[in-house]
Each structure stands twice: as structure tokens, then as C-alpha cells.
Amino acid sequence: METTGLVVLLVALALTGLAAWWLRTRSGAVRRPAEEEADVTGSRDTEVLRSLGVRPEDADLTVVQFATAFCAPCRATKARLAQLQTTRPGLAAVHVDAESQLEAVRALDVRRTPTLFYLDRSGRVLGRSSGAPRPDELTAIVDAHAPAVRTS
């Protein structure tokens, strides 16, 4: 009897550890839409974002951040985006209060904050990340679409 309980405990601990590792590897990672779903969900997402006042045609890359007032990673992400904007004039950052835009949150399937959407000048959704974005990935996607201006 004791052996069975020990085996169940060990299996539960292993599964919990595996689930925690899997969630940690996905947190903040930029996910790009698959080709077959990009046209359908991308145009719908773009329309929802436009209804919030997002105008991607005004910048090379527009980052839309859904945040809440008491979210510490949201504040850090907002500060990182502001820092990147200082040297990248083609970068626009739009901050959306998730609590006051519940219809958009539901339509875009925003499940946690911060959630970021990356849009090119044509309004196409290049990707999204849930959770605090990884600094190297955030910088890479920004540099790919709105490179830094070199000053001499």
C-alpha cells in the first residue's frame, strides 16, 4: 500500500515539474501565426485592434500591449518598449488597459498580461507573446522591422 502511494506521489511531482517547465518555456515567447490561420485570424485581429484606435500604417512596427494596473511585468515591458522607441523612430507602442477593453480581450483571446501583438505597416499580425516578453526576442523582432537609427 505504501509503495502505491509513493509511486502516485512521484508521478504527480514529475507531471507538475514537466508542466511548470513547459509553461516557463512558452512564457513571453513570440509566437508567429501559422500560414493557414494567418489570413483568417490575422485580419480579424487587425480589425479588433483598429477598433481600439491602433493605426499600424503610421509606423514600421506597431506593438500593442494589453496590460493591467497592478501588473509588474506590464510596467517593465512598457519601460522596455519606451527605451527601444528612443532609438527606433519606426516603432510605435500602443498600451491598452485590458480591464476596460473586455470585448477586445475576449475577441483576441488575451488570457494574461502583458500580452503583446506585433503588427507590420500593412496591419498584418506578425506575432504575439503572452507574459513578459523575453528581452532578446523583443529586441530581435523590433530590430527586424524597425531598426535603430545610427547617430554619428
N, C-alpha and C. Protein backbone atom coordinates (compact mmCIF):
# COMPACT_ATOMS: atom_id res chain seq x y z
N MET A 1 0.80 -1.19 0.00
CA MET A 1 0.00 0.00 0.00
C MET A 1 0.85 1.27 0.00
N GLU A 2 1.89 1.27 0.83
CA GLU A 2 2.74 2.45 0.89
C GLU A 2 3.49 2.67 -0.41
N THR A 3 3.86 1.61 -1.09
CA THR A 3 4.57 1.73 -2.35
C THR A 3 3.69 2.39 -3.40
N THR A 4 2.41 2.05 -3.43
CA THR A 4 1.49 2.64 -4.40
C THR A 4 1.37 4.15 -4.16
N GLY A 5 1.25 4.54 -2.91
CA GLY A 5 1.15 5.96 -2.58
C GLY A 5 2.40 6.71 -2.97
N LEU A 6 3.55 6.10 -2.76
CA LEU A 6 4.81 6.73 -3.12
C LEU A 6 4.94 6.88 -4.64
N VAL A 7 4.52 5.86 -5.38
CA VAL A 7 4.56 5.93 -6.84
C VAL A 7 3.63 7.03 -7.35
N VAL A 8 2.44 7.12 -6.80
CA VAL A 8 1.49 8.17 -7.20
C VAL A 8 2.07 9.55 -6.91
N LEU A 9 2.68 9.70 -5.74
CA LEU A 9 3.30 10.97 -5.38
C LEU A 9 4.42 11.34 -6.35
N LEU A 10 5.29 10.39 -6.66
CA LEU A 10 6.39 10.66 -7.58
C LEU A 10 5.89 11.00 -8.99
N VAL A 11 4.88 10.30 -9.46
CA VAL A 11 4.30 10.61 -10.78
C VAL A 11 3.68 12.00 -10.77
N ALA A 12 2.96 12.35 -9.70
CA ALA A 12 2.35 13.68 -9.61
C ALA A 12 3.42 14.77 -9.59
N LEU A 13 4.50 14.54 -8.85
CA LEU A 13 5.58 15.53 -8.82
C LEU A 13 6.26 15.66 -10.18
N ALA A 14 6.47 14.55 -10.86
CA ALA A 14 7.09 14.60 -12.18
C ALA A 14 6.21 15.34 -13.18
N LEU A 15 4.91 15.07 -13.15
CA LEU A 15 3.99 15.76 -14.06
C LEU A 15 3.90 17.24 -13.75
N THR A 16 3.92 17.59 -12.48
CA THR A 16 3.89 19.01 -12.09
C THR A 16 5.15 19.71 -12.56
N GLY A 17 6.28 19.07 -12.37
CA GLY A 17 7.55 19.65 -12.84
C GLY A 17 7.58 19.83 -14.34
N LEU A 18 7.09 18.83 -15.05
CA LEU A 18 7.04 18.91 -16.52
C LEU A 18 6.11 20.04 -16.97
N ALA A 19 4.96 20.16 -16.33
CA ALA A 19 4.02 21.23 -16.69
C ALA A 19 4.63 22.60 -16.40
N ALA A 20 5.31 22.75 -15.26
CA ALA A 20 5.94 24.03 -14.92
C ALA A 20 7.03 24.37 -15.92
N TRP A 21 7.83 23.40 -16.32
CA TRP A 21 8.88 23.63 -17.31
C TRP A 21 8.27 24.06 -18.65
N TRP A 22 7.22 23.38 -19.07
CA TRP A 22 6.58 23.68 -20.36
C TRP A 22 6.01 25.09 -20.34
N LEU A 23 5.34 25.47 -19.26
CA LEU A 23 4.78 26.83 -19.17
C LEU A 23 5.88 27.88 -19.16
N ARG A 24 6.98 27.61 -18.47
CA ARG A 24 8.08 28.57 -18.40
C ARG A 24 8.73 28.77 -19.77
N THR A 25 8.84 27.70 -20.55
CA THR A 25 9.47 27.84 -21.87
C THR A 25 8.59 28.63 -22.83
N ARG A 26 7.29 28.60 -22.63
CA ARG A 26 6.37 29.33 -23.51
C ARG A 26 6.14 30.77 -23.07
N SER A 27 6.34 31.07 -21.81
CA SER A 27 6.04 32.39 -21.27
C SER A 27 6.91 33.45 -21.93
N GLY A 28 6.26 34.43 -22.53
CA GLY A 28 6.95 35.55 -23.15
C GLY A 28 7.51 35.27 -24.54
N ALA A 29 7.43 34.06 -25.01
CA ALA A 29 7.95 33.72 -26.34
C ALA A 29 7.06 34.31 -27.43
N VAL A 30 7.68 34.85 -28.46
CA VAL A 30 6.92 35.38 -29.59
C VAL A 30 6.45 34.21 -30.44
N ARG A 31 5.15 34.12 -30.62
CA ARG A 31 4.58 33.07 -31.47
C ARG A 31 4.08 33.72 -32.74
N ARG A 32 4.49 33.16 -33.84
CA ARG A 32 4.05 33.67 -35.14
C ARG A 32 2.90 32.82 -35.62
N PRO A 33 1.88 33.44 -36.23
CA PRO A 33 0.74 32.65 -36.70
C PRO A 33 1.14 31.72 -37.83
N ALA A 34 0.56 30.53 -37.85
CA ALA A 34 0.80 29.58 -38.93
C ALA A 34 0.22 30.16 -40.22
N GLU A 35 0.81 29.81 -41.35
CA GLU A 35 0.38 30.35 -42.65
C GLU A 35 -1.11 30.17 -42.89
N GLU A 36 -1.63 28.97 -42.62
CA GLU A 36 -3.03 28.69 -42.93
C GLU A 36 -4.00 29.47 -42.05
N GLU A 37 -3.60 29.79 -40.82
CA GLU A 37 -4.50 30.54 -39.96
C GLU A 37 -4.23 32.04 -39.98
N ALA A 38 -3.10 32.45 -40.54
CA ALA A 38 -2.71 33.86 -40.52
C ALA A 38 -3.72 34.75 -41.22
N ASP A 39 -4.25 34.31 -42.36
CA ASP A 39 -5.19 35.14 -43.10
C ASP A 39 -6.51 35.31 -42.35
N VAL A 40 -7.01 34.24 -41.78
CA VAL A 40 -8.31 34.29 -41.10
C VAL A 40 -8.21 35.04 -39.79
N THR A 41 -7.34 34.59 -38.88
CA THR A 41 -7.26 35.23 -37.58
C THR A 41 -6.56 36.57 -37.65
N GLY A 42 -5.59 36.71 -38.54
CA GLY A 42 -4.86 37.96 -38.65
C GLY A 42 -5.75 39.13 -39.04
N SER A 43 -6.62 38.94 -40.02
CA SER A 43 -7.50 40.04 -40.44
C SER A 43 -8.53 40.35 -39.36
N ARG A 44 -9.03 39.31 -38.68
CA ARG A 44 -9.99 39.54 -37.59
C ARG A 44 -9.30 40.28 -36.45
N ASP A 45 -8.09 39.84 -36.08
CA ASP A 45 -7.34 40.51 -35.01
C ASP A 45 -7.05 41.96 -35.37
N THR A 46 -6.67 42.20 -36.61
CA THR A 46 -6.36 43.55 -37.05
C THR A 46 -7.59 44.45 -36.93
N GLU A 47 -8.75 43.94 -37.28
CA GLU A 47 -9.98 44.75 -37.16
C GLU A 47 -10.29 45.09 -35.71
N VAL A 48 -10.11 44.13 -34.82
CA VAL A 48 -10.34 44.39 -33.39
C VAL A 48 -9.35 45.44 -32.90
N LEU A 49 -8.10 45.30 -33.28
CA LEU A 49 -7.09 46.27 -32.85
C LEU A 49 -7.37 47.66 -33.42
N ARG A 50 -7.81 47.72 -34.66
CA ARG A 50 -8.17 49.02 -35.25
C ARG A 50 -9.32 49.67 -34.49
N SER A 51 -10.26 48.86 -34.00
CA SER A 51 -11.39 49.42 -33.24
C SER A 51 -10.91 50.05 -31.92
N LEU A 52 -9.71 49.70 -31.49
CA LEU A 52 -9.12 50.29 -30.28
C LEU A 52 -8.30 51.54 -30.60
N GLY A 53 -8.25 51.92 -31.88
CA GLY A 53 -7.51 53.11 -32.28
C GLY A 53 -6.09 52.83 -32.75
N VAL A 54 -5.75 51.57 -32.94
CA VAL A 54 -4.41 51.21 -33.40
C VAL A 54 -4.32 51.51 -34.90
N ARG A 55 -3.29 52.25 -35.29
CA ARG A 55 -3.07 52.62 -36.68
C ARG A 55 -1.69 52.14 -37.11
N PRO A 56 -1.58 50.90 -37.56
CA PRO A 56 -0.26 50.35 -37.89
C PRO A 56 0.40 51.02 -39.09
N GLU A 57 -0.37 51.67 -39.94
CA GLU A 57 0.23 52.29 -41.12
C GLU A 57 1.10 53.50 -40.77
N ASP A 58 1.05 53.94 -39.52
CA ASP A 58 1.83 55.09 -39.09
C ASP A 58 3.25 54.74 -38.65
N ALA A 59 3.60 53.44 -38.62
CA ALA A 59 4.93 53.03 -38.15
C ALA A 59 5.36 51.76 -38.88
N ASP A 60 6.65 51.50 -38.86
CA ASP A 60 7.17 50.27 -39.46
C ASP A 60 6.73 49.05 -38.66
N LEU A 61 6.71 49.19 -37.33
CA LEU A 61 6.28 48.12 -36.44
C LEU A 61 5.45 48.75 -35.33
N THR A 62 4.28 48.22 -35.11
CA THR A 62 3.43 48.66 -34.01
C THR A 62 3.30 47.52 -33.02
N VAL A 63 3.61 47.80 -31.77
CA VAL A 63 3.47 46.82 -30.70
C VAL A 63 2.30 47.26 -29.83
N VAL A 64 1.30 46.39 -29.74
CA VAL A 64 0.12 46.67 -28.93
C VAL A 64 0.23 45.83 -27.67
N GLN A 65 0.28 46.50 -26.52
CA GLN A 65 0.43 45.80 -25.25
C GLN A 65 -0.86 45.88 -24.46
N PHE A 66 -1.42 44.72 -24.12
CA PHE A 66 -2.55 44.64 -23.21
C PHE A 66 -1.98 44.49 -21.81
N ALA A 67 -2.39 45.39 -20.91
CA ALA A 67 -1.83 45.41 -19.56
C ALA A 67 -2.93 45.71 -18.55
N THR A 68 -2.60 45.49 -17.29
CA THR A 68 -3.48 45.86 -16.19
C THR A 68 -2.71 46.74 -15.22
N ALA A 69 -3.44 47.44 -14.37
CA ALA A 69 -2.83 48.43 -13.49
C ALA A 69 -1.85 47.83 -12.48
N PHE A 70 -2.13 46.64 -11.99
CA PHE A 70 -1.31 46.08 -10.92
C PHE A 70 -0.34 45.01 -11.41
N CYS A 71 -0.02 45.03 -12.68
CA CYS A 71 0.85 44.01 -13.29
C CYS A 71 2.27 44.55 -13.37
N ALA A 72 3.16 44.02 -12.53
CA ALA A 72 4.56 44.47 -12.54
C ALA A 72 5.27 44.16 -13.85
N PRO A 73 5.10 42.96 -14.44
CA PRO A 73 5.74 42.72 -15.74
C PRO A 73 5.22 43.66 -16.83
N CYS A 74 3.98 44.14 -16.69
CA CYS A 74 3.44 45.09 -17.67
C CYS A 74 4.20 46.41 -17.61
N ARG A 75 4.49 46.87 -16.41
CA ARG A 75 5.24 48.13 -16.26
C ARG A 75 6.65 47.98 -16.81
N ALA A 76 7.29 46.85 -16.54
CA ALA A 76 8.64 46.62 -17.05
C ALA A 76 8.64 46.55 -18.58
N THR A 77 7.63 45.91 -19.14
CA THR A 77 7.53 45.81 -20.61
C THR A 77 7.29 47.17 -21.22
N LYS A 78 6.44 47.96 -20.60
CA LYS A 78 6.17 49.31 -21.10
C LYS A 78 7.45 50.15 -21.09
N ALA A 79 8.23 50.03 -20.02
CA ALA A 79 9.50 50.76 -19.93
C ALA A 79 10.48 50.29 -20.99
N ARG A 80 10.55 48.99 -21.23
CA ARG A 80 11.46 48.44 -22.26
C ARG A 80 11.07 48.95 -23.64
N LEU A 81 9.76 48.98 -23.92
CA LEU A 81 9.30 49.49 -25.22
C LEU A 81 9.64 50.97 -25.36
N ALA A 82 9.46 51.74 -24.30
CA ALA A 82 9.79 53.17 -24.34
C ALA A 82 11.29 53.36 -24.59
N GLN A 83 12.11 52.51 -23.99
CA GLN A 83 13.55 52.58 -24.21
C GLN A 83 13.89 52.26 -25.66
N LEU A 84 13.27 51.24 -26.22
CA LEU A 84 13.52 50.88 -27.62
C LEU A 84 13.06 52.00 -28.57
N GLN A 85 11.99 52.69 -28.22
CA GLN A 85 11.48 53.76 -29.07
C GLN A 85 12.43 54.94 -29.17
N THR A 86 13.28 55.13 -28.20
CA THR A 86 14.19 56.28 -28.22
C THR A 86 15.17 56.22 -29.38
N THR A 87 15.51 55.02 -29.84
CA THR A 87 16.46 54.88 -30.94
C THR A 87 15.84 54.28 -32.20
N ARG A 88 14.54 54.05 -32.16
CA ARG A 88 13.86 53.43 -33.31
C ARG A 88 12.61 54.23 -33.66
N PRO A 89 12.76 55.23 -34.51
CA PRO A 89 11.61 56.08 -34.85
C PRO A 89 10.50 55.33 -35.58
N GLY A 90 10.80 54.18 -36.14
CA GLY A 90 9.77 53.41 -36.84
C GLY A 90 8.97 52.50 -35.93
N LEU A 91 9.20 52.59 -34.62
CA LEU A 91 8.49 51.75 -33.66
C LEU A 91 7.41 52.56 -32.96
N ALA A 92 6.20 52.02 -32.96
CA ALA A 92 5.09 52.62 -32.21
C ALA A 92 4.64 51.62 -31.17
N ALA A 93 4.35 52.11 -29.98
CA ALA A 93 3.85 51.26 -28.90
C ALA A 93 2.50 51.79 -28.46
N VAL A 94 1.52 50.92 -28.43
CA VAL A 94 0.17 51.29 -28.01
C VAL A 94 -0.15 50.46 -26.78
N HIS A 95 -0.58 51.12 -25.73
CA HIS A 95 -0.89 50.43 -24.48
C HIS A 95 -2.41 50.42 -24.30
N VAL A 96 -2.94 49.23 -24.04
CA VAL A 96 -4.38 49.05 -23.89
C VAL A 96 -4.64 48.51 -22.48
N ASP A 97 -5.55 49.17 -21.77
CA ASP A 97 -5.96 48.70 -20.45
C ASP A 97 -6.92 47.52 -20.64
N ALA A 98 -6.44 46.33 -20.32
CA ALA A 98 -7.22 45.12 -20.55
C ALA A 98 -8.53 45.12 -19.76
N GLU A 99 -8.52 45.72 -18.59
CA GLU A 99 -9.72 45.71 -17.75
C GLU A 99 -10.85 46.56 -18.33
N SER A 100 -10.51 47.58 -19.07
CA SER A 100 -11.55 48.44 -19.64
C SER A 100 -11.91 48.07 -21.08
N GLN A 101 -11.24 47.08 -21.64
CA GLN A 101 -11.50 46.65 -23.02
C GLN A 101 -11.78 45.15 -23.06
N LEU A 102 -12.74 44.71 -22.26
CA LEU A 102 -13.01 43.28 -22.12
C LEU A 102 -13.50 42.63 -23.41
N GLU A 103 -14.26 43.35 -24.23
CA GLU A 103 -14.70 42.76 -25.51
C GLU A 103 -13.51 42.44 -26.40
N ALA A 104 -12.56 43.37 -26.49
CA ALA A 104 -11.37 43.13 -27.29
C ALA A 104 -10.52 42.01 -26.69
N VAL A 105 -10.42 41.97 -25.38
CA VAL A 105 -9.67 40.92 -24.70
C VAL A 105 -10.25 39.55 -25.07
N ARG A 106 -11.56 39.44 -25.04
CA ARG A 106 -12.21 38.17 -25.40
C ARG A 106 -12.02 37.85 -26.88
N ALA A 107 -12.20 38.84 -27.73
CA ALA A 107 -12.09 38.61 -29.17
C ALA A 107 -10.68 38.20 -29.58
N LEU A 108 -9.68 38.73 -28.88
CA LEU A 108 -8.28 38.44 -29.22
C LEU A 108 -7.71 37.28 -28.39
N ASP A 109 -8.52 36.71 -27.52
CA ASP A 109 -8.11 35.59 -26.68
C ASP A 109 -6.90 35.95 -25.83
N VAL A 110 -6.96 37.13 -25.22
CA VAL A 110 -5.91 37.55 -24.29
C VAL A 110 -6.21 36.89 -22.95
N ARG A 111 -5.29 36.04 -22.50
CA ARG A 111 -5.53 35.28 -21.28
C ARG A 111 -4.69 35.73 -20.10
N ARG A 112 -3.65 36.51 -20.37
CA ARG A 112 -2.80 37.02 -19.30
C ARG A 112 -2.16 38.32 -19.75
N THR A 113 -1.66 39.05 -18.77
CA THR A 113 -0.98 40.29 -19.08
C THR A 113 0.45 40.19 -18.61
N PRO A 114 1.36 40.83 -19.32
CA PRO A 114 1.11 41.53 -20.58
C PRO A 114 0.99 40.55 -21.75
N THR A 115 0.14 40.90 -22.68
CA THR A 115 0.08 40.21 -23.97
C THR A 115 0.39 41.27 -25.02
N LEU A 116 1.31 40.94 -25.93
CA LEU A 116 1.72 41.89 -26.96
C LEU A 116 1.40 41.34 -28.33
N PHE A 117 0.91 42.23 -29.19
CA PHE A 117 0.69 41.91 -30.61
C PHE A 117 1.67 42.76 -31.41
N TYR A 118 2.29 42.15 -32.41
CA TYR A 118 3.27 42.83 -33.26
C TYR A 118 2.68 42.95 -34.65
N LEU A 119 2.50 44.19 -35.13
CA LEU A 119 1.88 44.44 -36.43
C LEU A 119 2.84 45.17 -37.35
N ASP A 120 2.87 44.76 -38.62
CA ASP A 120 3.68 45.49 -39.60
C ASP A 120 2.87 46.67 -40.13
N ARG A 121 3.47 47.44 -41.01
CA ARG A 121 2.84 48.66 -41.54
C ARG A 121 1.51 48.38 -42.24
N SER A 122 1.36 47.19 -42.84
CA SER A 122 0.11 46.87 -43.53
C SER A 122 -0.98 46.39 -42.56
N GLY A 123 -0.64 46.22 -41.28
CA GLY A 123 -1.62 45.78 -40.30
C GLY A 123 -1.62 44.28 -40.08
N ARG A 124 -0.73 43.59 -40.76
CA ARG A 124 -0.65 42.13 -40.60
C ARG A 124 -0.04 41.82 -39.24
N VAL A 125 -0.65 40.87 -38.53
CA VAL A 125 -0.13 40.45 -37.23
C VAL A 125 1.07 39.53 -37.48
N LEU A 126 2.24 40.00 -37.07
CA LEU A 126 3.47 39.24 -37.25
C LEU A 126 3.64 38.18 -36.17
N GLY A 127 3.07 38.44 -35.01
CA GLY A 127 3.18 37.51 -33.90
C GLY A 127 2.57 38.09 -32.65
N ARG A 128 2.62 37.30 -31.60
CA ARG A 128 2.12 37.74 -30.31
C ARG A 128 2.90 37.03 -29.22
N SER A 129 2.95 37.64 -28.05
CA SER A 129 3.58 37.00 -26.91
C SER A 129 2.69 37.21 -25.70
N SER A 130 2.65 36.19 -24.85
CA SER A 130 1.88 36.26 -23.61
C SER A 130 2.84 36.14 -22.45
N GLY A 131 2.71 37.03 -21.51
CA GLY A 131 3.67 37.12 -20.43
C GLY A 131 4.75 38.11 -20.80
N ALA A 132 5.60 38.41 -19.86
CA ALA A 132 6.68 39.37 -20.13
C ALA A 132 7.54 38.86 -21.28
N PRO A 133 7.69 39.66 -22.33
CA PRO A 133 8.48 39.18 -23.48
C PRO A 133 9.94 39.02 -23.11
N ARG A 134 10.55 38.04 -23.71
CA ARG A 134 11.98 37.83 -23.49
C ARG A 134 12.73 38.99 -24.13
N PRO A 135 13.64 39.62 -23.40
CA PRO A 135 14.33 40.80 -23.93
C PRO A 135 15.00 40.57 -25.28
N ASP A 136 15.65 39.42 -25.46
CA ASP A 136 16.34 39.17 -26.72
C ASP A 136 15.35 39.00 -27.87
N GLU A 137 14.23 38.34 -27.63
CA GLU A 137 13.23 38.17 -28.69
C GLU A 137 12.54 39.49 -29.01
N LEU A 138 12.25 40.29 -27.99
CA LEU A 138 11.62 41.59 -28.22
C LEU A 138 12.54 42.47 -29.05
N THR A 139 13.80 42.53 -28.68
CA THR A 139 14.76 43.34 -29.43
C THR A 139 14.92 42.82 -30.85
N ALA A 140 14.92 41.50 -31.02
CA ALA A 140 15.10 40.91 -32.36
C ALA A 140 13.94 41.26 -33.28
N ILE A 141 12.71 41.14 -32.80
CA ILE A 141 11.57 41.44 -33.67
C ILE A 141 11.49 42.94 -33.96
N VAL A 142 11.85 43.77 -32.99
CA VAL A 142 11.87 45.22 -33.22
C VAL A 142 12.96 45.57 -34.23
N ASP A 143 14.15 45.02 -34.05
CA ASP A 143 15.25 45.31 -34.98
C ASP A 143 14.96 44.82 -36.40
N ALA A 144 14.22 43.73 -36.53
CA ALA A 144 13.90 43.19 -37.85
C ALA A 144 12.94 44.09 -38.62
N HIS A 145 12.13 44.86 -37.91
CA HIS A 145 11.10 45.66 -38.60
C HIS A 145 11.27 47.17 -38.40
N ALA A 146 11.94 47.57 -37.34
CA ALA A 146 12.16 49.00 -37.07
C ALA A 146 13.57 49.16 -36.51
N PRO A 147 14.58 49.02 -37.38
CA PRO A 147 15.96 49.05 -36.88
C PRO A 147 16.34 50.39 -36.26
N ALA A 148 17.34 50.32 -35.40
CA ALA A 148 17.83 51.51 -34.71
C ALA A 148 18.47 52.47 -35.70
N VAL A 149 18.29 53.74 -35.42
CA VAL A 149 18.93 54.80 -36.21
C VAL A 149 20.30 55.05 -35.63
N ARG A 150 21.29 55.03 -36.47
CA ARG A 150 22.67 55.27 -36.01
C ARG A 150 22.95 56.77 -36.05
N THR A 151 23.47 57.27 -34.94
CA THR A 151 23.85 58.68 -34.89
C THR A 151 25.36 58.76 -34.92
N SER A 152 25.88 59.76 -35.65
CA SER A 152 27.33 59.88 -35.74
C SER A 152 27.85 60.98 -34.86
